[in-house]
């Protein structure tokens, strides 16, 4: 909620959630004492990571890549990424159908 109050560009709140999840998930897995968490050994090390820890690390990496891309875009044109400030246009009205008498629906005869 704090990020939402001080956001500078659209997508910043989502990125805060992704990065927060990616950081907290591996930390929670360290405390969690569960043997069936799908441990994988990292190549060239003796470190084992669970599936959730790998997902958390990948989330942080992808979130950082998206953050860098959005910050660069924001620096080029700040107004284009402040979508919450722009009024939404109403969608065009659908063309009216030819209505039957009184607009009543026909019932099937049995």
PDB file of N, CA and C in Angstrom:
ATOM      1  N   UNK A   1       0.834  -1.189   0.000  1.00  0.00           N
ATOM      2  CA  UNK A   1       0.000   0.000   0.000  1.00  0.00           C
ATOM      3  C   UNK A   1       0.878   1.252   0.000  1.00  0.00           C
ATOM      4  N   UNK A   2       2.029   1.165   0.598  1.00  0.00           N
ATOM      5  CA  UNK A   2       2.936   2.304   0.615  1.00  0.00           C
ATOM      6  C   UNK A   2       3.462   2.603  -0.794  1.00  0.00           C
ATOM      7  N   UNK A   3       3.767   1.549  -1.534  1.00  0.00           N
ATOM      8  CA  UNK A   3       4.233   1.745  -2.912  1.00  0.00           C
ATOM      9  C   UNK A   3       3.136   2.406  -3.738  1.00  0.00           C
ATOM     10  N   UNK A   4       1.909   1.996  -3.529  1.00  0.00           N
ATOM     11  CA  UNK A   4       0.800   2.566  -4.304  1.00  0.00           C
ATOM     12  C   UNK A   4       0.664   4.063  -4.052  1.00  0.00           C
ATOM     13  N   UNK A   5       0.909   4.490  -2.851  1.00  0.00           N
ATOM     14  CA  UNK A   5       0.778   5.908  -2.514  1.00  0.00           C
ATOM     15  C   UNK A   5       1.846   6.751  -3.201  1.00  0.00           C
ATOM     16  N   UNK A   6       3.059   6.218  -3.337  1.00  0.00           N
ATOM     17  CA  UNK A   6       4.175   6.995  -3.866  1.00  0.00           C
ATOM     18  C   UNK A   6       4.651   6.521  -5.239  1.00  0.00           C
ATOM     19  N   UNK A   7       3.853   5.773  -5.951  1.00  0.00           N
ATOM     20  CA  UNK A   7       4.278   5.250  -7.248  1.00  0.00           C
ATOM     21  C   UNK A   7       4.537   6.356  -8.264  1.00  0.00           C
ATOM     22  N   UNK A   8       5.438   6.082  -9.171  1.00  0.00           N
ATOM     23  CA  UNK A   8       5.791   7.060 -10.199  1.00  0.00           C
ATOM     24  C   UNK A   8       5.335   6.606 -11.579  1.00  0.00           C
ATOM     25  N   UNK A   9       5.204   5.289 -11.789  1.00  0.00           N
ATOM     26  CA  UNK A   9       4.784   4.797 -13.100  1.00  0.00           C
ATOM     27  C   UNK A   9       3.911   3.564 -12.937  1.00  0.00           C
ATOM     28  N   UNK A  10       3.108   3.293 -13.950  1.00  0.00           N
ATOM     29  CA  UNK A  10       2.223   2.132 -13.930  1.00  0.00           C
ATOM     30  C   UNK A  10       3.053   0.855 -13.949  1.00  0.00           C
ATOM     31  N   UNK A  11       2.668  -0.104 -13.161  1.00  0.00           N
ATOM     32  CA  UNK A  11       3.382  -1.364 -13.043  1.00  0.00           C
ATOM     33  C   UNK A  11       4.284  -1.422 -11.833  1.00  0.00           C
ATOM     34  N   UNK A  12       4.462  -0.318 -11.161  1.00  0.00           N
ATOM     35  CA  UNK A  12       5.374  -0.272 -10.021  1.00  0.00           C
ATOM     36  C   UNK A  12       4.820  -1.066  -8.835  1.00  0.00           C
ATOM     37  N   UNK A  13       3.537  -1.033  -8.621  1.00  0.00           N
ATOM     38  CA  UNK A  13       2.935  -1.789  -7.514  1.00  0.00           C
ATOM     39  C   UNK A  13       3.059  -3.290  -7.783  1.00  0.00           C
ATOM     40  N   UNK A  14       2.796  -3.695  -9.020  1.00  0.00           N
ATOM     41  CA  UNK A  14       2.943  -5.103  -9.395  1.00  0.00           C
ATOM     42  C   UNK A  14       4.378  -5.562  -9.203  1.00  0.00           C
ATOM     43  N   UNK A  15       5.329  -4.739  -9.631  1.00  0.00           N
ATOM     44  CA  UNK A  15       6.738  -5.083  -9.458  1.00  0.00           C
ATOM     45  C   UNK A  15       7.113  -5.190  -7.988  1.00  0.00           C
ATOM     46  N   UNK A  16       6.543  -4.333  -7.161  1.00  0.00           N
ATOM     47  CA  UNK A  16       6.791  -4.422  -5.724  1.00  0.00           C
ATOM     48  C   UNK A  16       6.321  -5.745  -5.164  1.00  0.00           C
ATOM     49  N   UNK A  17       5.164  -6.213  -5.649  1.00  0.00           N
ATOM     50  CA  UNK A  17       4.637  -7.492  -5.194  1.00  0.00           C
ATOM     51  C   UNK A  17       5.530  -8.638  -5.668  1.00  0.00           C
ATOM     52  N   UNK A  18       5.921  -8.617  -6.941  1.00  0.00           N
ATOM     53  CA  UNK A  18       6.753  -9.692  -7.494  1.00  0.00           C
ATOM     54  C   UNK A  18       8.099  -9.750  -6.773  1.00  0.00           C
ATOM     55  N   UNK A  19       8.720  -8.608  -6.583  1.00  0.00           N
ATOM     56  CA  UNK A  19      10.017  -8.590  -5.899  1.00  0.00           C
ATOM     57  C   UNK A  19       9.881  -8.984  -4.431  1.00  0.00           C
ATOM     58  N   UNK A  20       8.820  -8.524  -3.771  1.00  0.00           N
ATOM     59  CA  UNK A  20       8.592  -8.913  -2.377  1.00  0.00           C
ATOM     60  C   UNK A  20       8.365 -10.404  -2.231  1.00  0.00           C
ATOM     61  N   UNK A  21       7.577 -10.982  -3.146  1.00  0.00           N
ATOM     62  CA  UNK A  21       7.341 -12.422  -3.129  1.00  0.00           C
ATOM     63  C   UNK A  21       8.648 -13.175  -3.372  1.00  0.00           C
ATOM     64  N   UNK A  22       9.392 -12.707  -4.374  1.00  0.00           N
ATOM     65  CA  UNK A  22      10.630 -13.387  -4.727  1.00  0.00           C
ATOM     66  C   UNK A  22      11.673 -13.346  -3.628  1.00  0.00           C
ATOM     67  N   UNK A  23      11.652 -12.315  -2.818  1.00  0.00           N
ATOM     68  CA  UNK A  23      12.602 -12.206  -1.709  1.00  0.00           C
ATOM     69  C   UNK A  23      12.117 -12.992  -0.497  1.00  0.00           C
ATOM     70  N   UNK A  24      10.830 -12.906  -0.204  1.00  0.00           N
ATOM     71  CA  UNK A  24      10.304 -13.557   1.005  1.00  0.00           C
ATOM     72  C   UNK A  24      10.181 -15.071   0.868  1.00  0.00           C
ATOM     73  N   UNK A  25       9.867 -15.575  -0.319  1.00  0.00           N
ATOM     74  CA  UNK A  25       9.649 -17.009  -0.482  1.00  0.00           C
ATOM     75  C   UNK A  25      10.881 -17.847  -0.137  1.00  0.00           C
ATOM     76  N   UNK A  26      12.064 -17.515  -0.635  1.00  0.00           N
ATOM     77  CA  UNK A  26      13.237 -18.307  -0.229  1.00  0.00           C
ATOM     78  C   UNK A  26      13.533 -18.200   1.268  1.00  0.00           C
ATOM     79  N   UNK A  27      13.267 -17.045   1.859  1.00  0.00           N
ATOM     80  CA  UNK A  27      13.500 -16.897   3.301  1.00  0.00           C
ATOM     81  C   UNK A  27      12.544 -17.767   4.112  1.00  0.00           C
ATOM     82  N   UNK A  28      11.297 -17.839   3.672  1.00  0.00           N
ATOM     83  CA  UNK A  28      10.315 -18.686   4.363  1.00  0.00           C
ATOM     84  C   UNK A  28      10.707 -20.155   4.224  1.00  0.00           C
ATOM     85  N   UNK A  29      11.219 -20.535   3.063  1.00  0.00           N
ATOM     86  CA  UNK A  29      11.620 -21.927   2.844  1.00  0.00           C
ATOM     87  C   UNK A  29      12.784 -22.338   3.732  1.00  0.00           C
ATOM     88  N   UNK A  30      13.630 -21.399   4.121  1.00  0.00           N
ATOM     89  CA  UNK A  30      14.740 -21.724   5.026  1.00  0.00           C
ATOM     90  C   UNK A  30      14.197 -22.125   6.391  1.00  0.00           C
ATOM     91  N   UNK A  31      13.172 -21.425   6.862  1.00  0.00           N
ATOM     92  CA  UNK A  31      12.589 -21.688   8.170  1.00  0.00           C
ATOM     93  C   UNK A  31      11.701 -22.927   8.138  1.00  0.00           C
ATOM     94  N   UNK A  32      11.064 -23.171   7.018  1.00  0.00           N
ATOM     95  CA  UNK A  32      10.131 -24.293   6.892  1.00  0.00           C
ATOM     96  C   UNK A  32      10.890 -25.606   6.999  1.00  0.00           C
ATOM     97  N   UNK A  33      10.403 -26.488   7.849  1.00  0.00           N
ATOM     98  CA  UNK A  33      11.064 -27.775   8.065  1.00  0.00           C
ATOM     99  C   UNK A  33      10.238 -28.865   7.392  1.00  0.00           C
ATOM    100  N   UNK A  34      10.399 -28.965   6.073  1.00  0.00           N
ATOM    101  CA  UNK A  34       9.638 -29.929   5.294  1.00  0.00           C
ATOM    102  C   UNK A  34      10.606 -30.693   4.402  1.00  0.00           C
ATOM    103  N   UNK A  35      10.632 -32.006   4.548  1.00  0.00           N
ATOM    104  CA  UNK A  35      11.570 -32.813   3.774  1.00  0.00           C
ATOM    105  C   UNK A  35      11.130 -32.999   2.326  1.00  0.00           C
ATOM    106  N   UNK A  36       9.834 -32.937   2.046  1.00  0.00           N
ATOM    107  CA  UNK A  36       9.321 -33.155   0.689  1.00  0.00           C
ATOM    108  C   UNK A  36       9.107 -31.829  -0.029  1.00  0.00           C
ATOM    109  N   UNK A  37      10.158 -31.071  -0.229  1.00  0.00           N
ATOM    110  CA  UNK A  37      10.004 -29.795  -0.911  1.00  0.00           C
ATOM    111  C   UNK A  37      10.680 -29.770  -2.265  1.00  0.00           C
ATOM    112  N   UNK A  38      11.164 -30.857  -2.757  1.00  0.00           N
ATOM    113  CA  UNK A  38      11.773 -30.925  -4.069  1.00  0.00           C
ATOM    114  C   UNK A  38      13.114 -30.234  -4.110  1.00  0.00           C
ATOM    115  N   UNK A  39      14.120 -30.813  -3.493  1.00  0.00           N
ATOM    116  CA  UNK A  39      15.436 -30.185  -3.435  1.00  0.00           C
ATOM    117  C   UNK A  39      16.235 -30.474  -4.697  1.00  0.00           C
ATOM    118  N   UNK A  40      16.904 -29.435  -5.194  1.00  0.00           N
ATOM    119  CA  UNK A  40      17.756 -29.551  -6.368  1.00  0.00           C
ATOM    120  C   UNK A  40      19.156 -29.076  -5.997  1.00  0.00           C
ATOM    121  N   UNK A  41      20.162 -29.802  -6.450  1.00  0.00           N
ATOM    122  CA  UNK A  41      21.552 -29.411  -6.200  1.00  0.00           C
ATOM    123  C   UNK A  41      21.999 -28.454  -7.293  1.00  0.00           C
ATOM    124  N   UNK A  42      22.662 -27.380  -6.887  1.00  0.00           N
ATOM    125  CA  UNK A  42      23.204 -26.439  -7.854  1.00  0.00           C
ATOM    126  C   UNK A  42      24.513 -26.978  -8.408  1.00  0.00           C
ATOM    127  N   UNK A  43      24.746 -26.822  -9.706  1.00  0.00           N
ATOM    128  CA  UNK A  43      26.001 -27.322 -10.268  1.00  0.00           C
ATOM    129  C   UNK A  43      27.209 -26.593  -9.685  1.00  0.00           C
ATOM    130  N   UNK A  44      28.279 -27.315  -9.501  1.00  0.00           N
ATOM    131  CA  UNK A  44      29.571 -26.796  -9.027  1.00  0.00           C
ATOM    132  C   UNK A  44      29.529 -26.311  -7.574  1.00  0.00           C
ATOM    133  N   UNK A  45      28.448 -26.573  -6.841  1.00  0.00           N
ATOM    134  CA  UNK A  45      28.372 -26.202  -5.430  1.00  0.00           C
ATOM    135  C   UNK A  45      27.743 -27.352  -4.653  1.00  0.00           C
ATOM    136  N   UNK A  46      27.782 -27.244  -3.352  1.00  0.00           N
ATOM    137  CA  UNK A  46      27.119 -28.237  -2.497  1.00  0.00           C
ATOM    138  C   UNK A  46      25.810 -27.681  -1.959  1.00  0.00           C
ATOM    139  N   UNK A  47      25.287 -26.649  -2.600  1.00  0.00           N
ATOM    140  CA  UNK A  47      24.066 -25.992  -2.137  1.00  0.00           C
ATOM    141  C   UNK A  47      22.847 -26.672  -2.744  1.00  0.00           C
ATOM    142  N   UNK A  48      21.828 -26.846  -1.921  1.00  0.00           N
ATOM    143  CA  UNK A  48      20.566 -27.384  -2.402  1.00  0.00           C
ATOM    144  C   UNK A  48      19.481 -26.324  -2.231  1.00  0.00           C
ATOM    145  N   UNK A  49      18.656 -26.163  -3.259  1.00  0.00           N
ATOM    146  CA  UNK A  49      17.537 -25.226  -3.213  1.00  0.00           C
ATOM    147  C   UNK A  49      16.245 -25.973  -3.476  1.00  0.00           C
ATOM    148  N   UNK A  50      15.175 -25.526  -2.824  1.00  0.00           N
ATOM    149  CA  UNK A  50      13.867 -26.131  -3.072  1.00  0.00           C
ATOM    150  C   UNK A  50      13.254 -25.500  -4.316  1.00  0.00           C
ATOM    151  N   UNK A  51      12.196 -26.109  -4.807  1.00  0.00           N
ATOM    152  CA  UNK A  51      11.491 -25.590  -5.980  1.00  0.00           C
ATOM    153  C   UNK A  51      10.998 -24.173  -5.721  1.00  0.00           C
ATOM    154  N   UNK A  52      10.456 -23.911  -4.550  1.00  0.00           N
ATOM    155  CA  UNK A  52       9.949 -22.577  -4.221  1.00  0.00           C
ATOM    156  C   UNK A  52      11.062 -21.546  -4.166  1.00  0.00           C
ATOM    157  N   UNK A  53      12.228 -21.940  -3.707  1.00  0.00           N
ATOM    158  CA  UNK A  53      13.358 -21.012  -3.676  1.00  0.00           C
ATOM    159  C   UNK A  53      13.818 -20.672  -5.091  1.00  0.00           C
ATOM    160  N   UNK A  54      13.825 -21.643  -5.977  1.00  0.00           N
ATOM    161  CA  UNK A  54      14.197 -21.385  -7.367  1.00  0.00           C
ATOM    162  C   UNK A  54      13.181 -20.457  -8.015  1.00  0.00           C
ATOM    163  N   UNK A  55      11.896 -20.689  -7.768  1.00  0.00           N
ATOM    164  CA  UNK A  55      10.848 -19.818  -8.317  1.00  0.00           C
ATOM    165  C   UNK A  55      11.004 -18.406  -7.773  1.00  0.00           C
ATOM    166  N   UNK A  56      11.322 -18.270  -6.498  1.00  0.00           N
ATOM    167  CA  UNK A  56      11.527 -16.951  -5.904  1.00  0.00           C
ATOM    168  C   UNK A  56      12.705 -16.219  -6.524  1.00  0.00           C
ATOM    169  N   UNK A  57      13.787 -16.917  -6.740  1.00  0.00           N
ATOM    170  CA  UNK A  57      14.977 -16.296  -7.339  1.00  0.00           C
ATOM    171  C   UNK A  57      14.692 -15.879  -8.777  1.00  0.00           C
ATOM    172  N   UNK A  58      14.013 -16.739  -9.531  1.00  0.00           N
ATOM    173  CA  UNK A  58      13.651 -16.393 -10.911  1.00  0.00           C
ATOM    174  C   UNK A  58      12.700 -15.198 -10.930  1.00  0.00           C
ATOM    175  N   UNK A  59      11.765 -15.140  -9.972  1.00  0.00           N
ATOM    176  CA  UNK A  59      10.841 -13.999  -9.887  1.00  0.00           C
ATOM    177  C   UNK A  59      11.596 -12.695  -9.650  1.00  0.00           C
ATOM    178  N   UNK A  60      12.572 -12.727  -8.779  1.00  0.00           N
ATOM    179  CA  UNK A  60      13.362 -11.519  -8.509  1.00  0.00           C
ATOM    180  C   UNK A  60      14.131 -11.102  -9.758  1.00  0.00           C
ATOM    181  N   UNK A  61      14.749 -12.049 -10.431  1.00  0.00           N
ATOM    182  CA  UNK A  61      15.517 -11.717 -11.629  1.00  0.00           C
ATOM    183  C   UNK A  61      14.635 -11.124 -12.726  1.00  0.00           C
ATOM    184  N   UNK A  62      13.489 -11.766 -12.986  1.00  0.00           N
ATOM    185  CA  UNK A  62      12.576 -11.240 -14.004  1.00  0.00           C
ATOM    186  C   UNK A  62      11.979  -9.899 -13.585  1.00  0.00           C
ATOM    187  N   UNK A  63      11.684  -9.742 -12.301  1.00  0.00           N
ATOM    188  CA  UNK A  63      11.169  -8.468 -11.802  1.00  0.00           C
ATOM    189  C   UNK A  63      12.175  -7.348 -11.964  1.00  0.00           C
ATOM    190  N   UNK A  64      13.448  -7.638 -11.721  1.00  0.00           N
ATOM    191  CA  UNK A  64      14.486  -6.618 -11.898  1.00  0.00           C
ATOM    192  C   UNK A  64      14.650  -6.227 -13.359  1.00  0.00           C
ATOM    193  N   UNK A  65      14.559  -7.207 -14.265  1.00  0.00           N
ATOM    194  CA  UNK A  65      14.637  -6.906 -15.697  1.00  0.00           C
ATOM    195  C   UNK A  65      13.473  -6.009 -16.109  1.00  0.00           C
ATOM    196  N   UNK A  66      12.270  -6.333 -15.659  1.00  0.00           N
ATOM    197  CA  UNK A  66      11.106  -5.513 -15.982  1.00  0.00           C
ATOM    198  C   UNK A  66      11.207  -4.136 -15.344  1.00  0.00           C
ATOM    199  N   UNK A  67      11.731  -4.062 -14.133  1.00  0.00           N
ATOM    200  CA  UNK A  67      11.911  -2.779 -13.467  1.00  0.00           C
ATOM    201  C   UNK A  67      12.864  -1.881 -14.255  1.00  0.00           C
ATOM    202  N   UNK A  68      13.972  -2.438 -14.703  1.00  0.00           N
ATOM    203  CA  UNK A  68      14.929  -1.651 -15.484  1.00  0.00           C
ATOM    204  C   UNK A  68      14.270  -1.155 -16.773  1.00  0.00           C
ATOM    205  N   UNK A  69      13.522  -2.024 -17.451  1.00  0.00           N
ATOM    206  CA  UNK A  69      12.860  -1.631 -18.700  1.00  0.00           C
ATOM    207  C   UNK A  69      11.833  -0.523 -18.456  1.00  0.00           C
ATOM    208  N   UNK A  70      11.033  -0.636 -17.392  1.00  0.00           N
ATOM    209  CA  UNK A  70      10.018   0.384 -17.115  1.00  0.00           C
ATOM    210  C   UNK A  70      10.641   1.704 -16.665  1.00  0.00           C
ATOM    211  N   UNK A  71      11.721   1.649 -15.903  1.00  0.00           N
ATOM    212  CA  UNK A  71      12.386   2.886 -15.476  1.00  0.00           C
ATOM    213  C   UNK A  71      12.977   3.603 -16.682  1.00  0.00           C
ATOM    214  N   UNK A  72      13.593   2.855 -17.588  1.00  0.00           N
ATOM    215  CA  UNK A  72      14.130   3.482 -18.810  1.00  0.00           C
ATOM    216  C   UNK A  72      13.014   4.130 -19.620  1.00  0.00           C
ATOM    217  N   UNK A  73      11.901   3.433 -19.761  1.00  0.00           N
ATOM    218  CA  UNK A  73      10.764   3.985 -20.511  1.00  0.00           C
ATOM    219  C   UNK A  73      10.188   5.201 -19.803  1.00  0.00           C
ATOM    220  N   UNK A  74      10.130   5.166 -18.495  1.00  0.00           N
ATOM    221  CA  UNK A  74       9.611   6.296 -17.716  1.00  0.00           C
ATOM    222  C   UNK A  74      10.505   7.517 -17.873  1.00  0.00           C
ATOM    223  N   UNK A  75      11.806   7.305 -17.900  1.00  0.00           N
ATOM    224  CA  UNK A  75      12.733   8.439 -18.061  1.00  0.00           C
ATOM    225  C   UNK A  75      12.606   9.090 -19.431  1.00  0.00           C
ATOM    226  N   UNK A  76      12.291   8.297 -20.475  1.00  0.00           N
ATOM    227  CA  UNK A  76      12.115   8.862 -21.814  1.00  0.00           C
ATOM    228  C   UNK A  76      10.831   9.677 -21.920  1.00  0.00           C
ATOM    229  N   UNK A  77       9.720   9.147 -21.367  1.00  0.00           N
ATOM    230  CA  UNK A  77       8.429   9.824 -21.472  1.00  0.00           C
ATOM    231  C   UNK A  77       7.614   9.552 -20.203  1.00  0.00           C
ATOM    232  N   UNK A  78       7.773  10.387 -19.166  1.00  0.00           N
ATOM    233  CA  UNK A  78       7.091  10.149 -17.896  1.00  0.00           C
ATOM    234  C   UNK A  78       5.560  10.117 -18.002  1.00  0.00           C
ATOM    235  N   UNK A  79       4.992  10.938 -18.870  1.00  0.00           N
ATOM    236  CA  UNK A  79       3.527  11.007 -18.957  1.00  0.00           C
ATOM    237  C   UNK A  79       2.924   9.727 -19.511  1.00  0.00           C
ATOM    238  N   UNK A  80       3.658   8.988 -20.334  1.00  0.00           N
ATOM    239  CA  UNK A  80       3.090   7.786 -20.956  1.00  0.00           C
ATOM    240  C   UNK A  80       2.903   6.649 -19.964  1.00  0.00           C
ATOM    241  N   UNK A  81       3.612   6.660 -18.844  1.00  0.00           N
ATOM    242  CA  UNK A  81       3.495   5.574 -17.874  1.00  0.00           C
ATOM    243  C   UNK A  81       2.754   5.976 -16.602  1.00  0.00           C
ATOM    244  N   UNK A  82       2.040   7.056 -16.639  1.00  0.00           N
ATOM    245  CA  UNK A  82       1.225   7.457 -15.486  1.00  0.00           C
ATOM    246  C   UNK A  82      -0.241   7.269 -15.862  1.00  0.00           C
ATOM    247  N   UNK A  83      -0.599   6.014 -16.119  1.00  0.00           N
ATOM    248  CA  UNK A  83      -1.910   5.696 -16.665  1.00  0.00           C
ATOM    249  C   UNK A  83      -3.053   5.953 -15.689  1.00  0.00           C
ATOM    250  N   UNK A  84      -2.812   5.934 -14.402  1.00  0.00           N
ATOM    251  CA  UNK A  84      -3.878   6.151 -13.436  1.00  0.00           C
ATOM    252  C   UNK A  84      -4.346   7.604 -13.436  1.00  0.00           C
ATOM    253  N   UNK A  85      -3.574   8.498 -14.018  1.00  0.00           N
ATOM    254  CA  UNK A  85      -3.964   9.905 -14.067  1.00  0.00           C
ATOM    255  C   UNK A  85      -4.793  10.241 -15.298  1.00  0.00           C
ATOM    256  N   UNK A  86      -4.783   9.358 -16.300  1.00  0.00           N
ATOM    257  CA  UNK A  86      -5.500   9.616 -17.540  1.00  0.00           C
ATOM    258  C   UNK A  86      -6.943   9.150 -17.414  1.00  0.00           C
ATOM    259  N   UNK A  87      -7.907   9.994 -17.848  1.00  0.00           N
ATOM    260  CA  UNK A  87      -9.305   9.563 -17.794  1.00  0.00           C
ATOM    261  C   UNK A  87      -9.564   8.463 -18.812  1.00  0.00           C
ATOM    262  N   UNK A  88     -10.390   7.528 -18.429  1.00  0.00           N
ATOM    263  CA  UNK A  88     -10.740   6.437 -19.335  1.00  0.00           C
ATOM    264  C   UNK A  88     -11.845   6.889 -20.271  1.00  0.00           C
ATOM    265  N   UNK A  89     -11.734   6.537 -21.532  1.00  0.00           N
ATOM    266  CA  UNK A  89     -12.782   6.851 -22.486  1.00  0.00           C
ATOM    267  C   UNK A  89     -13.800   5.732 -22.466  1.00  0.00           C
ATOM    268  N   UNK A  90     -15.072   6.119 -22.589  1.00  0.00           N
ATOM    269  CA  UNK A  90     -16.132   5.124 -22.614  1.00  0.00           C
ATOM    270  C   UNK A  90     -16.060   4.362 -23.931  1.00  0.00           C
ATOM    271  N   UNK A  91     -16.310   3.041 -23.909  1.00  0.00           N
ATOM    272  CA  UNK A  91     -16.274   2.278 -25.149  1.00  0.00           C
ATOM    273  C   UNK A  91     -17.401   2.724 -26.072  1.00  0.00           C
ATOM    274  N   UNK A  92     -17.181   2.575 -27.359  1.00  0.00           N
ATOM    275  CA  UNK A  92     -18.203   2.960 -28.338  1.00  0.00           C
ATOM    276  C   UNK A  92     -19.432   2.089 -28.143  1.00  0.00           C
ATOM    277  N   UNK A  93     -20.591   2.702 -28.298  1.00  0.00           N
ATOM    278  CA  UNK A  93     -21.852   1.969 -28.115  1.00  0.00           C
ATOM    279  C   UNK A  93     -22.017   0.952 -29.232  1.00  0.00           C
ATOM    280  N   UNK A  94     -22.498  -0.216 -28.873  1.00  0.00           N
ATOM    281  CA  UNK A  94     -22.744  -1.265 -29.858  1.00  0.00           C
ATOM    282  C   UNK A  94     -23.933  -0.872 -30.714  1.00  0.00           C
ATOM    283  N   UNK A  95     -23.926  -1.228 -31.984  1.00  0.00           N
ATOM    284  CA  UNK A  95     -25.073  -0.878 -32.831  1.00  0.00           C
ATOM    285  C   UNK A  95     -26.327  -1.569 -32.336  1.00  0.00           C
ATOM    286  N   UNK A  96     -27.431  -0.845 -32.386  1.00  0.00           N
ATOM    287  CA  UNK A  96     -28.709  -1.387 -31.898  1.00  0.00           C
ATOM    288  C   UNK A  96     -29.225  -2.442 -32.872  1.00  0.00           C
ATOM    289  N   UNK A  97     -29.773  -3.533 -32.337  1.00  0.00           N
ATOM    290  CA  UNK A  97     -30.367  -4.588 -33.163  1.00  0.00           C
ATOM    291  C   UNK A  97     -31.801  -4.234 -33.492  1.00  0.00           C
ATOM    292  N   UNK A  98     -32.250  -4.791 -34.560  1.00  0.00           N
ATOM    293  CA  UNK A  98     -33.667  -4.602 -34.899  1.00  0.00           C
ATOM    294  C   UNK A  98     -34.480  -5.392 -33.881  1.00  0.00           C
ATOM    295  N   UNK A  99     -35.329  -4.721 -33.162  1.00  0.00           N
ATOM    296  CA  UNK A  99     -36.082  -5.398 -32.099  1.00  0.00           C
ATOM    297  C   UNK A  99     -37.440  -5.858 -32.602  1.00  0.00           C
ATOM    298  N   UNK A 100     -37.920  -6.879 -31.942  1.00  0.00           N
ATOM    299  CA  UNK A 100     -39.248  -7.393 -32.263  1.00  0.00           C
ATOM    300  C   UNK A 100     -40.281  -6.530 -31.564  1.00  0.00           C
ATOM    301  N   UNK A 101     -41.530  -6.874 -31.760  1.00  0.00           N
ATOM    302  CA  UNK A 101     -42.622  -6.100 -31.147  1.00  0.00           C
ATOM    303  C   UNK A 101     -42.450  -6.068 -29.638  1.00  0.00           C
ATOM    304  N   UNK A 102     -42.359  -4.899 -29.090  1.00  0.00           N
ATOM    305  CA  UNK A 102     -42.290  -4.731 -27.651  1.00  0.00           C
ATOM    306  C   UNK A 102     -41.020  -5.271 -27.027  1.00  0.00           C
ATOM    307  N   UNK A 103     -40.115  -5.771 -27.822  1.00  0.00           N
ATOM    308  CA  UNK A 103     -38.857  -6.267 -27.281  1.00  0.00           C
ATOM    309  C   UNK A 103     -38.983  -7.602 -26.570  1.00  0.00           C
ATOM    310  N   UNK A 104     -40.119  -8.295 -26.702  1.00  0.00           N
ATOM    311  CA  UNK A 104     -40.315  -9.575 -26.018  1.00  0.00           C
ATOM    312  C   UNK A 104     -39.572 -10.682 -26.760  1.00  0.00           C
ATOM    313  N   UNK A 105     -39.102 -11.675 -26.024  1.00  0.00           N
ATOM    314  CA  UNK A 105     -38.414 -12.807 -26.632  1.00  0.00           C
ATOM    315  C   UNK A 105     -39.448 -13.817 -27.101  1.00  0.00           C
ATOM    316  N   UNK A 106     -39.120 -14.511 -28.183  1.00  0.00           N
ATOM    317  CA  UNK A 106     -40.009 -15.571 -28.646  1.00  0.00           C
ATOM    318  C   UNK A 106     -39.730 -16.840 -27.881  1.00  0.00           C
ATOM    319  N   UNK A 107     -40.764 -17.576 -27.638  1.00  0.00           N
ATOM    320  CA  UNK A 107     -40.625 -18.875 -26.985  1.00  0.00           C
ATOM    321  C   UNK A 107     -40.741 -19.961 -28.027  1.00  0.00           C
ATOM    322  N   UNK A 108     -40.009 -21.033 -27.784  1.00  0.00           N
ATOM    323  CA  UNK A 108     -40.094 -22.167 -28.698  1.00  0.00           C
ATOM    324  C   UNK A 108     -41.405 -22.889 -28.481  1.00  0.00           C
ATOM    325  N   UNK A 109     -41.997 -23.341 -29.582  1.00  0.00           N
ATOM    326  CA  UNK A 109     -43.213 -24.160 -29.476  1.00  0.00           C
ATOM    327  C   UNK A 109     -42.800 -25.604 -29.317  1.00  0.00           C
ATOM    328  N   UNK A 110     -43.541 -26.298 -28.504  1.00  0.00           N
ATOM    329  CA  UNK A 110     -43.255 -27.714 -28.285  1.00  0.00           C
ATOM    330  C   UNK A 110     -44.255 -28.585 -28.954  1.00  0.00           C
TER     331      UNK A 110
END
